[in-house]
Amino acid sequence: MRRESEQREKLVRQLAAAVRGASLYSITHPVVMRALEGFTGSALALLQRGPKVAIGCIGDDLVVDGTKLMLKTGASLGGFVRALRDQEIEKITLETGATAADLKGLVEALAGAKPGLVSVSDWLRTRGVRHVAIGKVAVEDDPAETTGIAAALKVYRSATTIADTLWQMTKAGEQPDPTPARKLIEMLTRMVTKDRTSLMALTALKKQDTYTFTHMVNVAVLTIAQARSLNLSPSLTREFGLAALMHDIGKINTPPEILNKPDKLTKEEFEVMKRHVVDGASILRRTPDMPALAPIVAFEHHLRLDRTGYPENIVDRELNLCTLVATVADVFDALRSKRAYREGLASARVRAIMSEPTGTFHPTLLRRFINIVGMYPSGSLVVLNTDEIGVVTHEHPADPFRPQVRVAFSPHGERLPETRLVNTWERNDRGDYPYAVVESVDPAMLQVDPLTLL
């Protein structure tokens, strides 16, 4: 068993070395040829024992034939994993019958791959490479819970747990581990793709006791949603999400009595608070395999478009697109969340504050964001024109003022024994709208968790 594990590790290291060499030199260069011969020998030897060899890439983990390899990713292996991730390659399958020419073609394809251009699969097919397949890792999902609030809640709780671990790890003096962070972002990105409505609804929950971790996850979710609306590549969308997740990591050095002070900070305390942007950038810059965007966003996320804000005295610096996107998400979530020094604000009030001409946000990106979250985001409590109260379950794509609402409270504020769904965009026989949203309402006023209504 140990010998088989060593052979699998050897196979992966030889493939990574051959790809790295071929990306620097000609395929006929002696260095490349030696690495290619080693990879070919290992692959053919393993194929003699079974019909195929599957090399999988899940986050930063490498798996061969279902067995996770306990490898330390150095520069070469780390670069190999990132290259696979950029090409959205989760699995490379070598099949019985593969020839040395097929394996050489695989190395050339991986070495010459350019994200967003010709895929590795297309490259192999056009050059007649057989018995080598590129695909996705099969993930076993519960069909009943791949979408919907239950599935979103499972992902959200896992995400906040991982965020908690990352925070505590960094607070203890360690570097934040990018591997679980990338897995977290992968989970959130998939859920945003499958069921953005349910996941966005969970970001509206206002729990002060877990604010740090939920804020990290919420900003990541809202940033990923914006990145997808901008049609960014999947790999860049994940980079945006990871940078957004880690944007406030510098606050590990901020004393809790300042972070949670219920009153206005003194000038001296505010100076301490402002250090978190520099601290965060420093931590992330020193962290191996952390994307370059992360320290940039940590440093810039309190700068306005005109470079006021902090850090001070920043001139002739164009803010990164990821910063502009993450800042919108950061402020939106901070304003609507419950904190030690104030209650969370209703979404309508938050939108009004953010729309004021302060020069904080890029106007086009802010408009896009408002379109994404809607006038009444999923999970919002609203009052109808019938004086009934319910929770928004879905937004209407063409009319953000007319969402679907699950009515849960009578006009007198009594909890209804059974809820009912109302589509406020539907007209009656006379062509009138019998239902309309009047305003948002703070869940704290009714002492109700909107999640229980969804």
Protein backbone atom coordinates (compact mmCIF):
# COMPACT_ATOMS: atom_id res chain seq x y z
CA MET A 1 0.00 0.00 0.00
CA ARG A 2 2.80 2.40 0.91
CA ARG A 3 4.62 1.56 -2.34
CA GLU A 4 1.48 2.35 -4.36
CA SER A 5 1.12 5.69 -2.57
CA GLU A 6 4.74 6.56 -3.35
CA GLN A 7 4.19 5.66 -7.02
CA ARG A 8 1.14 7.92 -7.21
CA GLU A 9 3.07 10.81 -5.64
CA LYS A 10 5.96 10.18 -8.03
CA LEU A 11 3.56 10.25 -11.00
CA VAL A 12 2.12 13.62 -10.01
CA ARG A 13 5.52 15.17 -9.29
CA GLN A 14 6.87 13.94 -12.64
CA LEU A 15 3.84 15.32 -14.51
CA ALA A 16 4.19 18.68 -12.72
CA ALA A 17 7.93 18.79 -13.52
CA ALA A 18 7.34 17.92 -17.18
CA VAL A 19 4.64 20.58 -17.54
CA ARG A 20 6.77 23.20 -15.81
CA GLY A 21 9.76 22.33 -18.00
CA ALA A 22 7.72 22.40 -21.19
CA SER A 23 6.34 25.83 -20.28
CA LEU A 24 9.93 27.16 -20.07
CA TYR A 25 11.76 25.21 -22.77
CA SER A 26 11.14 23.31 -25.99
CA ILE A 27 9.54 19.89 -25.58
CA THR A 28 12.78 18.43 -27.02
CA HIS A 29 14.99 20.08 -24.41
CA PRO A 30 16.95 17.46 -22.42
CA VAL A 31 15.46 18.64 -19.09
CA VAL A 32 11.94 18.27 -20.44
CA MET A 33 12.65 14.96 -22.11
CA ARG A 34 13.96 13.46 -18.85
CA ALA A 35 10.89 14.60 -16.92
CA LEU A 36 8.59 13.39 -19.71
CA GLU A 37 10.26 9.98 -19.81
CA GLY A 38 9.88 9.62 -16.06
CA PHE A 39 6.19 10.58 -16.20
CA THR A 40 5.55 8.23 -19.13
CA GLY A 41 7.25 5.32 -17.37
CA SER A 42 5.27 5.85 -14.15
CA ALA A 43 1.96 6.28 -15.98
CA LEU A 44 2.35 3.18 -18.12
CA ALA A 45 3.43 1.14 -15.09
CA LEU A 46 0.31 2.15 -13.15
CA LEU A 47 -1.92 1.49 -16.19
CA GLN A 48 -0.71 -2.10 -16.26
CA ARG A 49 -2.49 -2.65 -12.93
CA GLY A 50 -5.83 -1.13 -13.83
CA PRO A 51 -7.91 0.30 -16.68
CA LYS A 52 -7.25 3.91 -15.79
CA VAL A 53 -5.41 6.37 -13.55
CA ALA A 54 -7.37 9.42 -12.40
CA ILE A 55 -5.54 12.52 -11.17
CA GLY A 56 -7.95 14.89 -9.41
CA CYS A 57 -7.55 18.47 -8.23
CA ILE A 58 -9.95 19.64 -5.51
CA GLY A 59 -9.02 23.08 -4.25
CA ASP A 60 -5.33 22.76 -3.42
CA ASP A 61 -5.52 19.02 -2.82
CA LEU A 62 -4.33 16.40 -5.31
CA VAL A 63 -6.06 13.04 -5.47
CA VAL A 64 -4.96 9.98 -7.45
CA ASP A 65 -7.49 7.15 -7.90
CA GLY A 66 -9.54 8.46 -5.01
CA THR A 67 -6.61 8.74 -2.59
CA LYS A 68 -5.58 12.18 -1.33
CA LEU A 69 -1.85 12.72 -1.65
CA MET A 70 -0.14 14.14 1.43
CA LEU A 71 2.15 16.40 -0.57
CA LYS A 72 3.77 19.66 0.39
CA THR A 73 3.13 21.99 -2.51
CA GLY A 74 6.39 23.72 -3.32
CA ALA A 75 6.80 26.26 -6.12
CA SER A 76 6.62 23.66 -8.89
CA LEU A 77 3.70 21.66 -7.54
CA GLY A 78 1.84 24.77 -6.37
CA GLY A 79 2.16 26.27 -9.84
CA PHE A 80 0.87 23.03 -11.35
CA VAL A 81 -2.23 23.05 -9.13
CA ARG A 82 -2.93 26.72 -9.91
CA ALA A 83 -2.59 26.03 -13.64
CA LEU A 84 -5.15 23.24 -13.40
CA ARG A 85 -7.49 25.45 -11.40
CA ASP A 86 -7.17 28.35 -13.87
CA GLN A 87 -8.16 25.99 -16.69
CA GLU A 88 -11.02 24.63 -14.52
CA ILE A 89 -9.51 21.15 -14.78
CA GLU A 90 -10.63 19.00 -11.87
CA LYS A 91 -9.65 15.61 -13.25
CA ILE A 92 -7.16 14.12 -15.73
CA THR A 93 -7.86 10.48 -16.59
CA LEU A 94 -5.22 8.32 -18.24
CA GLU A 95 -6.80 5.25 -19.84
CA THR A 96 -5.45 1.86 -20.86
CA GLY A 97 -4.02 2.12 -24.37
CA ALA A 98 -2.42 5.51 -23.76
CA THR A 99 0.84 5.82 -25.66
CA ALA A 100 3.96 7.83 -25.05
CA ALA A 101 2.74 10.19 -27.78
CA ASP A 102 -0.59 10.68 -25.93
CA LEU A 103 1.20 11.51 -22.69
CA LYS A 104 3.55 13.88 -24.48
CA GLY A 105 0.52 15.59 -26.00
CA LEU A 106 -1.00 15.99 -22.53
CA VAL A 107 2.15 17.66 -21.23
CA GLU A 108 2.30 20.01 -24.24
CA ALA A 109 -1.38 20.91 -23.83
CA LEU A 110 -1.05 21.68 -20.11
CA ALA A 111 2.17 23.64 -20.64
CA GLY A 112 0.74 25.75 -23.44
CA ALA A 113 -2.73 26.28 -21.94
CA LYS A 114 -3.92 29.87 -21.79
CA PRO A 115 -7.00 30.38 -19.55
CA GLY A 116 -9.98 31.65 -21.50
CA LEU A 117 -8.61 30.59 -24.90
CA VAL A 118 -8.52 27.06 -26.36
CA SER A 119 -9.36 24.48 -23.69
CA VAL A 120 -7.01 21.60 -22.96
CA SER A 121 -9.75 19.17 -24.03
CA ASP A 122 -10.08 20.87 -27.43
CA TRP A 123 -6.30 20.96 -27.85
CA LEU A 124 -6.02 17.21 -27.21
CA ARG A 125 -8.93 16.41 -29.52
CA THR A 126 -7.64 18.46 -32.47
CA ARG A 127 -4.23 16.78 -32.21
CA GLY A 128 -5.60 13.27 -32.09
CA VAL A 129 -4.59 12.52 -28.51
CA ARG A 130 -6.52 9.47 -27.34
CA HIS A 131 -6.92 7.68 -24.04
CA VAL A 132 -6.51 10.94 -22.09
CA ALA A 133 -9.65 12.64 -20.77
CA ILE A 134 -10.15 16.01 -19.08
CA GLY A 135 -13.17 16.43 -16.84
CA LYS A 136 -14.73 17.30 -13.53
CA VAL A 137 -14.58 15.52 -10.20
CA ALA A 138 -17.93 13.88 -9.50
CA VAL A 139 -19.49 15.25 -6.34
CA GLU A 140 -22.22 13.27 -4.63
CA ASP A 141 -25.05 15.60 -3.76
CA ASP A 142 -28.33 14.89 -2.04
CA PRO A 143 -30.78 15.50 -4.94
CA ALA A 144 -33.38 16.77 -2.49
CA GLU A 145 -31.02 19.39 -1.10
CA THR A 146 -28.92 20.66 -4.00
CA THR A 147 -30.87 23.94 -3.96
CA GLY A 148 -33.18 25.73 -1.58
CA ILE A 149 -32.75 27.13 1.91
CA ALA A 150 -31.77 23.79 3.49
CA ALA A 151 -28.89 23.29 1.04
CA ALA A 152 -27.85 26.95 1.24
CA LEU A 153 -27.91 26.84 5.05
CA LYS A 154 -25.65 23.77 5.06
CA VAL A 155 -23.14 25.56 2.81
CA TYR A 156 -23.42 28.81 4.78
CA ARG A 157 -22.81 27.13 8.14
CA SER A 158 -19.81 25.26 6.77
CA ALA A 159 -18.47 28.51 5.36
CA THR A 160 -18.77 30.41 8.66
CA THR A 161 -17.07 27.52 10.47
CA ILE A 162 -14.13 27.64 8.06
CA ALA A 163 -14.00 31.44 8.35
CA ASP A 164 -13.89 31.09 12.14
CA THR A 165 -10.98 28.65 11.82
CA LEU A 166 -9.07 30.98 9.48
CA TRP A 167 -9.57 33.90 11.86
CA GLN A 168 -8.49 31.98 14.96
CA MET A 169 -5.49 30.50 13.13
CA THR A 170 -4.29 33.96 12.11
CA LYS A 171 -5.01 35.41 15.56
CA ALA A 172 -2.82 32.68 17.07
CA GLY A 173 0.11 33.97 15.01
CA GLU A 174 -0.09 31.50 12.15
CA GLN A 175 -0.53 32.40 8.49
CA PRO A 176 -4.09 31.93 7.20
CA ASP A 177 -4.16 28.65 5.26
CA PRO A 178 -5.28 29.30 1.64
CA THR A 179 -6.37 25.65 1.18
CA PRO A 180 -9.54 25.75 3.35
CA ALA A 181 -10.12 29.33 2.20
CA ARG A 182 -10.17 28.21 -1.43
CA LYS A 183 -12.48 25.31 -0.57
CA LEU A 184 -14.81 27.77 1.15
CA ILE A 185 -14.86 30.03 -1.92
CA GLU A 186 -15.44 27.01 -4.19
CA MET A 187 -18.47 26.03 -2.07
CA LEU A 188 -19.89 29.54 -2.13
CA THR A 189 -19.29 30.02 -5.85
CA ARG A 190 -21.10 26.79 -6.69
CA MET A 191 -24.02 27.72 -4.45
CA VAL A 192 -24.26 31.23 -5.91
CA THR A 193 -24.35 29.61 -9.35
CA LYS A 194 -27.00 27.04 -8.42
CA ASP A 195 -29.23 29.05 -6.09
CA ARG A 196 -28.13 32.62 -5.55
CA THR A 197 -31.51 33.61 -4.08
CA SER A 198 -31.32 31.23 -1.11
CA LEU A 199 -27.70 32.02 -0.29
CA MET A 200 -28.28 35.77 -0.56
CA ALA A 201 -31.22 35.40 1.81
CA LEU A 202 -28.92 33.93 4.45
CA THR A 203 -26.57 36.91 4.21
CA ALA A 204 -29.41 39.06 5.55
CA LEU A 205 -29.37 37.37 8.96
CA LYS A 206 -28.29 39.76 11.70
CA LYS A 207 -26.45 37.99 14.50
CA GLN A 208 -24.09 40.14 16.51
CA ASP A 209 -22.37 37.26 18.30
CA THR A 210 -20.92 35.80 15.09
CA TYR A 211 -20.55 39.07 13.19
CA THR A 212 -16.85 38.66 12.39
CA PHE A 213 -17.25 35.33 10.61
CA THR A 214 -20.62 35.97 9.01
CA HIS A 215 -19.33 39.30 7.72
CA MET A 216 -16.36 37.56 6.09
CA VAL A 217 -18.67 35.08 4.38
CA ASN A 218 -21.32 37.66 3.46
CA VAL A 219 -18.82 39.98 1.80
CA ALA A 220 -17.41 37.02 -0.13
CA VAL A 221 -20.89 35.93 -1.30
CA LEU A 222 -21.90 39.45 -2.34
CA THR A 223 -18.57 39.94 -4.14
CA ILE A 224 -18.88 36.63 -5.99
CA ALA A 225 -22.40 37.56 -7.10
CA GLN A 226 -21.11 40.88 -8.45
CA ALA A 227 -18.15 39.24 -10.20
CA ARG A 228 -20.50 36.81 -11.95
CA SER A 229 -22.70 39.70 -13.10
CA LEU A 230 -19.59 41.30 -14.63
CA ASN A 231 -18.99 38.08 -16.62
CA LEU A 232 -15.54 37.59 -15.15
CA SER A 233 -13.87 34.24 -15.75
CA PRO A 234 -14.59 31.53 -13.15
CA SER A 235 -10.99 31.56 -11.92
CA LEU A 236 -10.98 35.36 -11.50
CA THR A 237 -14.40 35.21 -9.80
CA ARG A 238 -12.93 32.85 -7.21
CA GLU A 239 -9.93 35.16 -6.74
CA PHE A 240 -12.34 38.05 -6.11
CA GLY A 241 -14.22 35.92 -3.58
CA LEU A 242 -11.07 34.92 -1.72
CA ALA A 243 -9.79 38.49 -1.57
CA ALA A 244 -13.17 39.65 -0.26
CA LEU A 245 -13.20 36.88 2.35
CA MET A 246 -9.84 37.99 3.75
CA HIS A 247 -10.30 41.77 3.43
CA ASP A 248 -10.63 42.42 7.19
CA ILE A 249 -8.07 39.90 8.45
CA GLY A 250 -5.91 42.76 9.79
CA LYS A 251 -8.50 43.29 12.55
CA ILE A 252 -7.02 40.33 14.42
CA ASN A 253 -4.58 42.91 15.81
CA THR A 254 -7.32 45.38 16.78
CA PRO A 255 -8.19 45.18 20.51
CA PRO A 256 -11.71 43.75 21.08
CA GLU A 257 -12.63 46.72 23.27
CA ILE A 258 -12.16 48.95 20.22
CA LEU A 259 -13.82 46.61 17.72
CA ASN A 260 -16.90 46.21 19.92
CA LYS A 261 -17.05 49.58 21.63
CA PRO A 262 -20.72 50.65 21.89
CA ASP A 263 -19.85 54.35 21.76
CA LYS A 264 -18.09 56.51 19.19
CA LEU A 265 -14.36 55.86 18.99
CA THR A 266 -11.98 58.51 20.27
CA LYS A 267 -9.42 59.94 17.88
CA GLU A 268 -6.73 57.72 19.39
CA GLU A 269 -8.92 54.61 19.16
CA PHE A 270 -9.79 55.36 15.54
CA GLU A 271 -6.08 55.61 14.72
CA VAL A 272 -5.66 52.10 16.13
CA MET A 273 -8.65 50.87 14.13
CA LYS A 274 -7.24 52.28 10.89
CA ARG A 275 -4.11 50.15 11.19
CA HIS A 276 -6.03 47.02 10.20
CA VAL A 277 -5.73 47.80 6.49
CA VAL A 278 -1.94 47.85 6.63
CA ASP A 279 -1.79 44.88 9.01
CA GLY A 280 -4.08 42.88 6.76
CA ALA A 281 -2.08 43.62 3.64
CA SER A 282 1.13 42.65 5.45
CA ILE A 283 -0.32 39.34 6.69
CA LEU A 284 -1.67 38.36 3.28
CA ARG A 285 1.45 39.43 1.42
CA ARG A 286 3.51 37.06 3.58
CA THR A 287 1.09 34.15 3.11
CA PRO A 288 2.26 31.61 0.49
CA ASP A 289 -0.20 30.85 -2.35
CA MET A 290 -2.45 33.75 -1.37
CA PRO A 291 -3.60 35.50 -4.59
CA ALA A 292 -2.04 38.89 -5.25
CA LEU A 293 -5.49 40.50 -5.14
CA ALA A 294 -5.96 39.70 -1.44
CA PRO A 295 -3.37 42.11 0.07
CA ILE A 296 -4.41 44.79 -2.44
CA VAL A 297 -8.05 44.65 -1.36
CA ALA A 298 -7.10 44.49 2.33
CA PHE A 299 -5.03 47.66 1.87
CA GLU A 300 -7.50 49.59 -0.32
CA HIS A 301 -10.98 48.74 0.97
CA HIS A 302 -11.37 51.91 3.07
CA LEU A 303 -10.19 54.23 0.27
CA ARG A 304 -12.77 56.24 -1.66
CA LEU A 305 -12.66 56.92 -5.39
CA ASP A 306 -10.86 60.23 -4.76
CA ARG A 307 -8.35 58.40 -2.48
CA THR A 308 -9.69 59.99 0.70
CA GLY A 309 -10.39 57.63 3.55
CA TYR A 310 -7.51 55.57 4.87
CA PRO A 311 -4.63 54.85 4.70
CA GLU A 312 -3.99 58.58 4.31
CA ASN A 313 -1.78 60.35 1.80
CA ILE A 314 -2.44 57.86 -1.02
CA VAL A 315 -2.06 59.66 -4.35
CA ASP A 316 -1.80 58.58 -7.98
CA ARG A 317 -3.24 55.14 -7.22
CA GLU A 318 -6.05 53.65 -9.27
CA LEU A 319 -8.18 51.39 -7.09
CA ASN A 320 -8.38 47.77 -8.19
CA LEU A 321 -11.70 46.56 -9.65
CA CYS A 322 -11.87 43.90 -6.96
CA THR A 323 -11.53 46.61 -4.30
CA LEU A 324 -14.36 48.63 -5.84
CA VAL A 325 -16.62 45.57 -5.92
CA ALA A 326 -15.71 44.30 -2.43
CA THR A 327 -16.12 47.76 -0.88
CA VAL A 328 -19.76 47.91 -2.00
CA ALA A 329 -20.36 44.49 -0.45
CA ASP A 330 -18.46 45.40 2.72
CA VAL A 331 -20.40 48.60 3.45
CA PHE A 332 -23.77 47.08 2.52
CA ASP A 333 -23.32 44.14 4.88
CA ALA A 334 -21.86 46.27 7.68
CA LEU A 335 -24.77 48.72 7.61
CA ARG A 336 -27.50 46.07 7.68
CA SER A 337 -25.80 43.92 10.36
CA LYS A 338 -26.46 44.17 14.08
CA ARG A 339 -23.47 45.52 15.98
CA ALA A 340 -22.69 46.23 19.62
CA TYR A 341 -23.15 49.95 19.04
CA ARG A 342 -26.31 49.92 16.86
CA GLU A 343 -29.07 47.81 15.36
CA GLY A 344 -28.86 46.69 11.77
CA LEU A 345 -30.57 48.95 9.25
CA ALA A 346 -33.33 47.84 6.88
CA SER A 347 -32.16 47.18 3.32
CA ALA A 348 -34.12 50.13 1.93
CA ARG A 349 -32.39 52.48 4.39
CA VAL A 350 -28.99 50.97 3.54
CA ARG A 351 -29.57 51.52 -0.18
CA ALA A 352 -30.58 55.12 0.46
CA ILE A 353 -27.42 55.79 2.49
CA MET A 354 -25.16 54.16 -0.07
CA SER A 355 -26.79 56.08 -2.94
CA GLU A 356 -25.89 59.44 -1.43
CA PRO A 357 -23.28 61.26 -3.55
CA THR A 358 -20.30 60.84 -1.20
CA GLY A 359 -17.85 59.59 -3.82
CA THR A 360 -17.32 56.36 -1.88
CA PHE A 361 -18.59 53.95 -4.53
CA HIS A 362 -18.18 53.58 -8.27
CA PRO A 363 -21.66 54.64 -9.50
CA THR A 364 -21.96 51.97 -12.20
CA LEU A 365 -20.90 49.17 -9.87
CA LEU A 366 -23.28 50.45 -7.18
CA ARG A 367 -26.21 50.41 -9.63
CA ARG A 368 -25.28 46.88 -10.66
CA PHE A 369 -25.14 45.82 -7.03
CA ILE A 370 -28.56 47.28 -6.24
CA ASN A 371 -29.96 45.38 -9.22
CA ILE A 372 -28.41 42.16 -7.87
CA VAL A 373 -29.74 42.42 -4.31
CA GLY A 374 -33.02 43.92 -5.50
CA MET A 375 -35.19 46.52 -3.85
CA TYR A 376 -36.40 43.90 -1.40
CA PRO A 377 -33.75 41.16 -1.14
CA SER A 378 -34.74 37.58 -0.34
CA GLY A 379 -34.99 37.20 3.43
CA SER A 380 -36.32 40.74 3.97
CA LEU A 381 -39.40 41.25 6.10
CA VAL A 382 -41.93 43.53 4.37
CA VAL A 383 -45.31 45.07 5.02
CA LEU A 384 -47.94 44.64 2.29
CA ASN A 385 -50.69 47.06 1.34
CA THR A 386 -53.06 44.72 3.22
CA ASP A 387 -51.06 45.47 6.42
CA GLU A 388 -49.98 41.82 6.47
CA ILE A 389 -46.30 41.07 7.05
CA GLY A 390 -44.23 38.45 5.28
CA VAL A 391 -40.75 37.50 4.14
CA VAL A 392 -39.50 37.98 0.59
CA THR A 393 -38.78 34.57 -0.95
CA HIS A 394 -38.00 35.50 -4.57
CA GLU A 395 -37.39 38.66 -6.55
CA HIS A 396 -39.09 39.40 -9.85
CA PRO A 397 -36.35 39.72 -12.50
CA ALA A 398 -38.16 42.46 -14.43
CA ASP A 399 -39.66 44.44 -11.55
CA PRO A 400 -37.63 44.66 -8.30
CA PHE A 401 -40.55 46.43 -6.59
CA ARG A 402 -42.79 43.35 -6.91
CA PRO A 403 -41.26 40.30 -5.22
CA GLN A 404 -42.81 37.03 -4.09
CA VAL A 405 -43.74 37.18 -0.39
CA ARG A 406 -44.57 34.44 2.10
CA VAL A 407 -47.23 36.06 4.30
CA ALA A 408 -46.76 35.04 7.94
CA PHE A 409 -48.39 37.76 10.10
CA SER A 410 -51.92 39.16 10.14
CA PRO A 411 -52.64 42.91 9.91
CA HIS A 412 -52.77 42.85 13.72
CA GLY A 413 -49.26 41.40 13.99
CA GLU A 414 -50.41 37.90 14.95
CA ARG A 415 -48.48 34.90 13.64
CA LEU A 416 -50.65 33.03 11.11
CA PRO A 417 -51.10 29.29 11.70
CA GLU A 418 -50.30 28.69 8.02
CA THR A 419 -48.28 30.88 5.67
CA ARG A 420 -49.22 31.54 2.07
CA LEU A 421 -47.30 32.72 -0.97
CA VAL A 422 -48.24 35.96 -2.70
CA ASN A 423 -46.83 37.03 -6.06
CA THR A 424 -47.10 40.80 -5.91
CA TRP A 425 -46.48 41.03 -9.68
CA GLU A 426 -49.73 39.21 -10.51
CA ARG A 427 -52.81 41.18 -11.56
CA ASN A 428 -56.43 40.30 -10.81
CA ASP A 429 -59.27 39.98 -13.34
CA ARG A 430 -59.65 43.76 -13.46
CA GLY A 431 -55.98 44.25 -14.29
CA ASP A 432 -55.13 45.66 -10.86
CA TYR A 433 -52.40 44.57 -8.46
CA PRO A 434 -54.18 43.29 -5.32
CA TYR A 435 -50.90 43.06 -3.43
CA ALA A 436 -47.97 45.45 -3.19
CA VAL A 437 -45.00 45.93 -0.86
CA VAL A 438 -45.30 49.11 1.18
CA GLU A 439 -42.03 49.07 3.12
CA SER A 440 -39.38 46.92 4.76
CA VAL A 441 -39.63 46.10 8.45
CA ASP A 442 -36.93 45.28 10.98
CA PRO A 443 -37.18 41.61 12.12
CA ALA A 444 -36.15 42.73 15.62
CA MET A 445 -39.44 44.60 15.94
CA LEU A 446 -41.32 41.31 15.64
CA GLN A 447 -38.62 39.27 17.35
CA VAL A 448 -38.63 36.81 14.49
CA ASP A 449 -35.88 35.11 12.53
CA PRO A 450 -36.76 35.44 8.81
CA LEU A 451 -34.96 32.14 8.17
CA THR A 452 -37.70 30.27 10.04
CA LEU A 453 -40.25 31.73 7.62
CA LEU A 454 -38.28 30.71 4.55
